[in-house]
């Protein structure tokens, strides 16, 4: 933290919109661009609640972007201050705004694989095979983008017949 980086292209509009909305709603906004940069680095391309990678583009016919980054205030009675903010996906933020983080965590816990160890083992094997394929693709990306250290890539990976767009910090391509 504290090192001077610039915000990735997707984060600056998010920061400016949050500041504008806070002003309209009379909410204290003390978050600096550097603190936003620190949060982007801390999130490392994924929701700080769910760990799901941020996806910037909408997918399919759904115009809303449930996995796009969103600026969340941990305690909504407080303003936008570094210690009270985190980057989360839009879907998690909407759920927490309505019901709170405890309800979101309860839902996530209830949805864990409950169908037995054989199903879990098969899913783990599928994920390992997919990981191996992705590792090969990431190795190619690492080679191709070696000179972009410290930047973010907008990439699309095809898996199980679906194109998945990701925001990927270049330093994570290792």
C-alpha atoms as a PDB file:
ATOM      1  CA  UNK A   1       0.000   0.000   0.000  1.00  0.00           C
ATOM      2  CA  UNK A   2       0.961   3.594  -0.386  1.00  0.00           C
ATOM      3  CA  UNK A   3       2.865   3.127  -3.662  1.00  0.00           C
ATOM      4  CA  UNK A   4       1.837   5.477  -6.434  1.00  0.00           C
ATOM      5  CA  UNK A   5      -0.027   3.619  -9.171  1.00  0.00           C
ATOM      6  CA  UNK A   6      -2.664   4.837 -11.562  1.00  0.00           C
ATOM      7  CA  UNK A   7      -6.173   3.522 -11.487  1.00  0.00           C
ATOM      8  CA  UNK A   8      -7.061   1.008 -14.204  1.00  0.00           C
ATOM      9  CA  UNK A   9      -9.468   2.306 -16.848  1.00  0.00           C
ATOM     10  CA  UNK A  10     -12.487   0.651 -15.208  1.00  0.00           C
ATOM     11  CA  UNK A  11     -11.781   1.983 -11.689  1.00  0.00           C
ATOM     12  CA  UNK A  12     -11.619   5.739 -12.316  1.00  0.00           C
ATOM     13  CA  UNK A  13     -15.250   6.036 -13.539  1.00  0.00           C
ATOM     14  CA  UNK A  14     -16.343   3.862 -10.586  1.00  0.00           C
ATOM     15  CA  UNK A  15     -14.502   6.189  -8.185  1.00  0.00           C
ATOM     16  CA  UNK A  16     -15.893   9.358  -9.785  1.00  0.00           C
ATOM     17  CA  UNK A  17     -19.461   8.007  -9.873  1.00  0.00           C
ATOM     18  CA  UNK A  18     -19.291   6.982  -6.193  1.00  0.00           C
ATOM     19  CA  UNK A  19     -18.020  10.475  -5.279  1.00  0.00           C
ATOM     20  CA  UNK A  20     -20.796  12.116  -7.329  1.00  0.00           C
ATOM     21  CA  UNK A  21     -23.514   9.874  -5.829  1.00  0.00           C
ATOM     22  CA  UNK A  22     -22.199  10.486  -2.313  1.00  0.00           C
ATOM     23  CA  UNK A  23     -22.359  14.236  -2.868  1.00  0.00           C
ATOM     24  CA  UNK A  24     -25.963  14.001  -4.176  1.00  0.00           C
ATOM     25  CA  UNK A  25     -27.001  11.894  -1.169  1.00  0.00           C
ATOM     26  CA  UNK A  26     -25.106  13.986   1.403  1.00  0.00           C
ATOM     27  CA  UNK A  27     -22.734  11.142   2.328  1.00  0.00           C
ATOM     28  CA  UNK A  28     -19.239  12.019   3.510  1.00  0.00           C
ATOM     29  CA  UNK A  29     -16.627  11.120   0.848  1.00  0.00           C
ATOM     30  CA  UNK A  30     -12.992  11.185   2.002  1.00  0.00           C
ATOM     31  CA  UNK A  31     -11.644   8.408  -0.231  1.00  0.00           C
ATOM     32  CA  UNK A  32      -8.684   9.547  -2.331  1.00  0.00           C
ATOM     33  CA  UNK A  33      -7.722   8.227  -5.755  1.00  0.00           C
ATOM     34  CA  UNK A  34      -4.584   6.724  -4.183  1.00  0.00           C
ATOM     35  CA  UNK A  35      -6.707   4.890  -1.596  1.00  0.00           C
ATOM     36  CA  UNK A  36      -8.922   3.629  -4.422  1.00  0.00           C
ATOM     37  CA  UNK A  37      -5.755   2.430  -6.189  1.00  0.00           C
ATOM     38  CA  UNK A  38      -4.738   0.645  -2.987  1.00  0.00           C
ATOM     39  CA  UNK A  39      -8.161  -1.046  -2.860  1.00  0.00           C
ATOM     40  CA  UNK A  40      -7.852  -2.137  -6.495  1.00  0.00           C
ATOM     41  CA  UNK A  41      -4.455  -3.661  -5.679  1.00  0.00           C
ATOM     42  CA  UNK A  42      -5.839  -5.336  -2.530  1.00  0.00           C
ATOM     43  CA  UNK A  43      -8.814  -6.823  -4.416  1.00  0.00           C
ATOM     44  CA  UNK A  44      -6.416  -8.211  -7.023  1.00  0.00           C
ATOM     45  CA  UNK A  45      -9.074  -8.468  -9.732  1.00  0.00           C
ATOM     46  CA  UNK A  46     -11.699 -10.220  -7.593  1.00  0.00           C
ATOM     47  CA  UNK A  47     -14.607  -9.470  -5.255  1.00  0.00           C
ATOM     48  CA  UNK A  48     -13.341  -9.008  -1.701  1.00  0.00           C
ATOM     49  CA  UNK A  49     -16.374 -10.882  -0.305  1.00  0.00           C
ATOM     50  CA  UNK A  50     -16.862 -13.800  -2.703  1.00  0.00           C
ATOM     51  CA  UNK A  51     -13.457 -14.096  -4.373  1.00  0.00           C
ATOM     52  CA  UNK A  52     -15.214 -14.192  -7.762  1.00  0.00           C
ATOM     53  CA  UNK A  53     -13.101 -12.506 -10.486  1.00  0.00           C
ATOM     54  CA  UNK A  54     -14.486  -9.208 -11.723  1.00  0.00           C
ATOM     55  CA  UNK A  55     -16.069  -9.364 -15.198  1.00  0.00           C
ATOM     56  CA  UNK A  56     -16.428  -6.005 -16.910  1.00  0.00           C
ATOM     57  CA  UNK A  57     -18.593  -6.915 -19.894  1.00  0.00           C
ATOM     58  CA  UNK A  58     -22.185  -8.030 -19.782  1.00  0.00           C
ATOM     59  CA  UNK A  59     -22.723 -11.587 -20.909  1.00  0.00           C
ATOM     60  CA  UNK A  60     -25.586 -12.881 -23.013  1.00  0.00           C
ATOM     61  CA  UNK A  61     -28.908 -11.088 -23.106  1.00  0.00           C
ATOM     62  CA  UNK A  62     -28.539  -9.798 -19.534  1.00  0.00           C
ATOM     63  CA  UNK A  63     -27.550  -6.124 -19.748  1.00  0.00           C
ATOM     64  CA  UNK A  64     -26.682  -5.925 -16.042  1.00  0.00           C
ATOM     65  CA  UNK A  65     -23.208  -6.970 -15.005  1.00  0.00           C
ATOM     66  CA  UNK A  66     -23.477  -8.999 -11.771  1.00  0.00           C
ATOM     67  CA  UNK A  67     -19.719  -9.571 -11.529  1.00  0.00           C
ATOM     68  CA  UNK A  68     -18.589  -6.033 -12.342  1.00  0.00           C
ATOM     69  CA  UNK A  69     -16.669  -4.237  -9.576  1.00  0.00           C
ATOM     70  CA  UNK A  70     -18.667  -2.088  -7.175  1.00  0.00           C
ATOM     71  CA  UNK A  71     -17.542   0.147  -4.303  1.00  0.00           C
ATOM     72  CA  UNK A  72     -19.079  -1.070  -1.026  1.00  0.00           C
ATOM     73  CA  UNK A  73     -19.239   0.676   2.330  1.00  0.00           C
ATOM     74  CA  UNK A  74     -18.888  -1.979   5.032  1.00  0.00           C
ATOM     75  CA  UNK A  75     -20.961   0.125   7.409  1.00  0.00           C
ATOM     76  CA  UNK A  76     -23.554   2.125   5.477  1.00  0.00           C
ATOM     77  CA  UNK A  77     -24.017   4.532   8.388  1.00  0.00           C
ATOM     78  CA  UNK A  78     -20.451   5.757   7.749  1.00  0.00           C
ATOM     79  CA  UNK A  79     -19.057   7.585   4.752  1.00  0.00           C
ATOM     80  CA  UNK A  80     -16.666   6.639   1.983  1.00  0.00           C
ATOM     81  CA  UNK A  81     -13.402   6.326   3.886  1.00  0.00           C
ATOM     82  CA  UNK A  82     -10.598   3.903   3.105  1.00  0.00           C
ATOM     83  CA  UNK A  83     -11.154   1.777   6.234  1.00  0.00           C
ATOM     84  CA  UNK A  84     -14.884   1.529   5.483  1.00  0.00           C
ATOM     85  CA  UNK A  85     -14.683   0.628   1.781  1.00  0.00           C
ATOM     86  CA  UNK A  86     -13.968  -2.473  -0.286  1.00  0.00           C
ATOM     87  CA  UNK A  87     -14.400  -3.611  -3.873  1.00  0.00           C
ATOM     88  CA  UNK A  88     -17.080  -6.251  -4.331  1.00  0.00           C
ATOM     89  CA  UNK A  89     -19.072  -7.562  -7.280  1.00  0.00           C
ATOM     90  CA  UNK A  90     -22.348  -5.784  -8.045  1.00  0.00           C
ATOM     91  CA  UNK A  91     -24.467  -8.857  -7.170  1.00  0.00           C
ATOM     92  CA  UNK A  92     -22.896  -9.156  -3.701  1.00  0.00           C
ATOM     93  CA  UNK A  93     -23.255  -5.416  -3.116  1.00  0.00           C
ATOM     94  CA  UNK A  94     -26.937  -5.409  -4.097  1.00  0.00           C
ATOM     95  CA  UNK A  95     -27.647  -8.370  -1.814  1.00  0.00           C
ATOM     96  CA  UNK A  96     -25.737  -6.822   1.099  1.00  0.00           C
ATOM     97  CA  UNK A  97     -27.480  -3.455   0.595  1.00  0.00           C
ATOM     98  CA  UNK A  98     -30.841  -5.176   0.906  1.00  0.00           C
ATOM     99  CA  UNK A  99     -30.180  -7.794   3.608  1.00  0.00           C
ATOM    100  CA  UNK A 100     -26.645  -7.360   4.953  1.00  0.00           C
ATOM    101  CA  UNK A 101     -23.491  -9.433   4.704  1.00  0.00           C
ATOM    102  CA  UNK A 102     -24.704 -12.078   7.177  1.00  0.00           C
ATOM    103  CA  UNK A 103     -27.609 -13.092   4.904  1.00  0.00           C
ATOM    104  CA  UNK A 104     -25.330 -13.244   1.853  1.00  0.00           C
ATOM    105  CA  UNK A 105     -22.899 -15.511   3.748  1.00  0.00           C
ATOM    106  CA  UNK A 106     -25.785 -17.698   4.962  1.00  0.00           C
ATOM    107  CA  UNK A 107     -26.991 -18.168   1.380  1.00  0.00           C
ATOM    108  CA  UNK A 108     -23.464 -18.963   0.179  1.00  0.00           C
ATOM    109  CA  UNK A 109     -23.077 -21.539   2.969  1.00  0.00           C
ATOM    110  CA  UNK A 110     -26.420 -23.154   2.127  1.00  0.00           C
ATOM    111  CA  UNK A 111     -25.390 -23.488  -1.526  1.00  0.00           C
ATOM    112  CA  UNK A 112     -22.167 -25.379  -0.795  1.00  0.00           C
ATOM    113  CA  UNK A 113     -21.935 -28.831  -2.386  1.00  0.00           C
ATOM    114  CA  UNK A 114     -24.098 -31.098  -0.267  1.00  0.00           C
ATOM    115  CA  UNK A 115     -24.526 -34.004  -2.657  1.00  0.00           C
ATOM    116  CA  UNK A 116     -21.812 -36.252  -1.299  1.00  0.00           C
ATOM    117  CA  UNK A 117     -18.084 -36.814  -1.443  1.00  0.00           C
ATOM    118  CA  UNK A 118     -18.114 -38.590  -4.833  1.00  0.00           C
ATOM    119  CA  UNK A 119     -19.743 -35.594  -6.529  1.00  0.00           C
ATOM    120  CA  UNK A 120     -17.307 -33.231  -4.845  1.00  0.00           C
ATOM    121  CA  UNK A 121     -14.340 -35.387  -5.899  1.00  0.00           C
ATOM    122  CA  UNK A 122     -15.578 -35.461  -9.507  1.00  0.00           C
ATOM    123  CA  UNK A 123     -16.043 -31.684  -9.481  1.00  0.00           C
ATOM    124  CA  UNK A 124     -12.521 -31.240  -8.088  1.00  0.00           C
ATOM    125  CA  UNK A 125     -11.102 -33.429 -10.879  1.00  0.00           C
ATOM    126  CA  UNK A 126     -13.003 -31.403 -13.497  1.00  0.00           C
ATOM    127  CA  UNK A 127     -11.701 -28.183 -11.981  1.00  0.00           C
ATOM    128  CA  UNK A 128      -8.129 -29.524 -11.948  1.00  0.00           C
ATOM    129  CA  UNK A 129      -8.351 -30.379 -15.644  1.00  0.00           C
ATOM    130  CA  UNK A 130      -9.781 -26.950 -16.377  1.00  0.00           C
ATOM    131  CA  UNK A 131      -7.029 -25.362 -14.255  1.00  0.00           C
ATOM    132  CA  UNK A 132      -4.382 -27.194 -16.277  1.00  0.00           C
ATOM    133  CA  UNK A 133      -5.892 -25.916 -19.528  1.00  0.00           C
ATOM    134  CA  UNK A 134      -6.090 -22.386 -18.135  1.00  0.00           C
ATOM    135  CA  UNK A 135      -2.495 -22.618 -16.884  1.00  0.00           C
ATOM    136  CA  UNK A 136      -1.337 -23.315 -20.426  1.00  0.00           C
ATOM    137  CA  UNK A 137      -3.315 -20.359 -21.735  1.00  0.00           C
ATOM    138  CA  UNK A 138      -1.996 -18.113 -18.956  1.00  0.00           C
ATOM    139  CA  UNK A 139       1.581 -19.159 -19.741  1.00  0.00           C
ATOM    140  CA  UNK A 140       1.035 -18.004 -23.320  1.00  0.00           C
ATOM    141  CA  UNK A 141      -0.445 -14.720 -22.050  1.00  0.00           C
ATOM    142  CA  UNK A 142       2.459 -14.239 -19.647  1.00  0.00           C
ATOM    143  CA  UNK A 143       4.890 -14.580 -22.523  1.00  0.00           C
ATOM    144  CA  UNK A 144       2.861 -12.313 -24.793  1.00  0.00           C
ATOM    145  CA  UNK A 145       2.359  -9.534 -22.200  1.00  0.00           C
ATOM    146  CA  UNK A 146       5.596  -9.719 -20.188  1.00  0.00           C
ATOM    147  CA  UNK A 147       6.275  -6.012 -20.732  1.00  0.00           C
ATOM    148  CA  UNK A 148       2.945  -4.924 -19.144  1.00  0.00           C
ATOM    149  CA  UNK A 149       3.822  -5.615 -15.477  1.00  0.00           C
ATOM    150  CA  UNK A 150       1.589  -3.597 -13.150  1.00  0.00           C
ATOM    151  CA  UNK A 151      -1.264  -3.157 -15.645  1.00  0.00           C
ATOM    152  CA  UNK A 152      -4.587  -4.916 -16.066  1.00  0.00           C
ATOM    153  CA  UNK A 153      -5.703  -7.069 -18.980  1.00  0.00           C
ATOM    154  CA  UNK A 154      -9.210  -7.529 -20.269  1.00  0.00           C
ATOM    155  CA  UNK A 155      -9.156 -11.166 -21.416  1.00  0.00           C
ATOM    156  CA  UNK A 156     -11.745 -13.686 -22.516  1.00  0.00           C
ATOM    157  CA  UNK A 157     -11.335 -17.399 -21.746  1.00  0.00           C
ATOM    158  CA  UNK A 158     -13.594 -20.009 -23.333  1.00  0.00           C
ATOM    159  CA  UNK A 159     -14.561 -22.796 -20.934  1.00  0.00           C
ATOM    160  CA  UNK A 160     -17.401 -25.299 -21.118  1.00  0.00           C
ATOM    161  CA  UNK A 161     -18.639 -23.559 -24.282  1.00  0.00           C
ATOM    162  CA  UNK A 162     -18.949 -20.150 -22.585  1.00  0.00           C
ATOM    163  CA  UNK A 163     -16.763 -17.082 -23.141  1.00  0.00           C
ATOM    164  CA  UNK A 164     -15.778 -15.662 -19.757  1.00  0.00           C
ATOM    165  CA  UNK A 165     -14.329 -12.139 -19.810  1.00  0.00           C
ATOM    166  CA  UNK A 166     -11.967 -11.353 -16.901  1.00  0.00           C
ATOM    167  CA  UNK A 167     -10.073  -8.385 -15.536  1.00  0.00           C
ATOM    168  CA  UNK A 168      -6.655  -9.802 -14.802  1.00  0.00           C
ATOM    169  CA  UNK A 169      -3.844  -7.936 -13.056  1.00  0.00           C
ATOM    170  CA  UNK A 170      -0.698  -8.661 -15.044  1.00  0.00           C
ATOM    171  CA  UNK A 171       1.248  -9.530 -11.877  1.00  0.00           C
ATOM    172  CA  UNK A 172      -1.156 -12.455 -11.330  1.00  0.00           C
ATOM    173  CA  UNK A 173      -0.040 -14.078 -14.587  1.00  0.00           C
ATOM    174  CA  UNK A 174       2.669 -16.227 -13.001  1.00  0.00           C
END
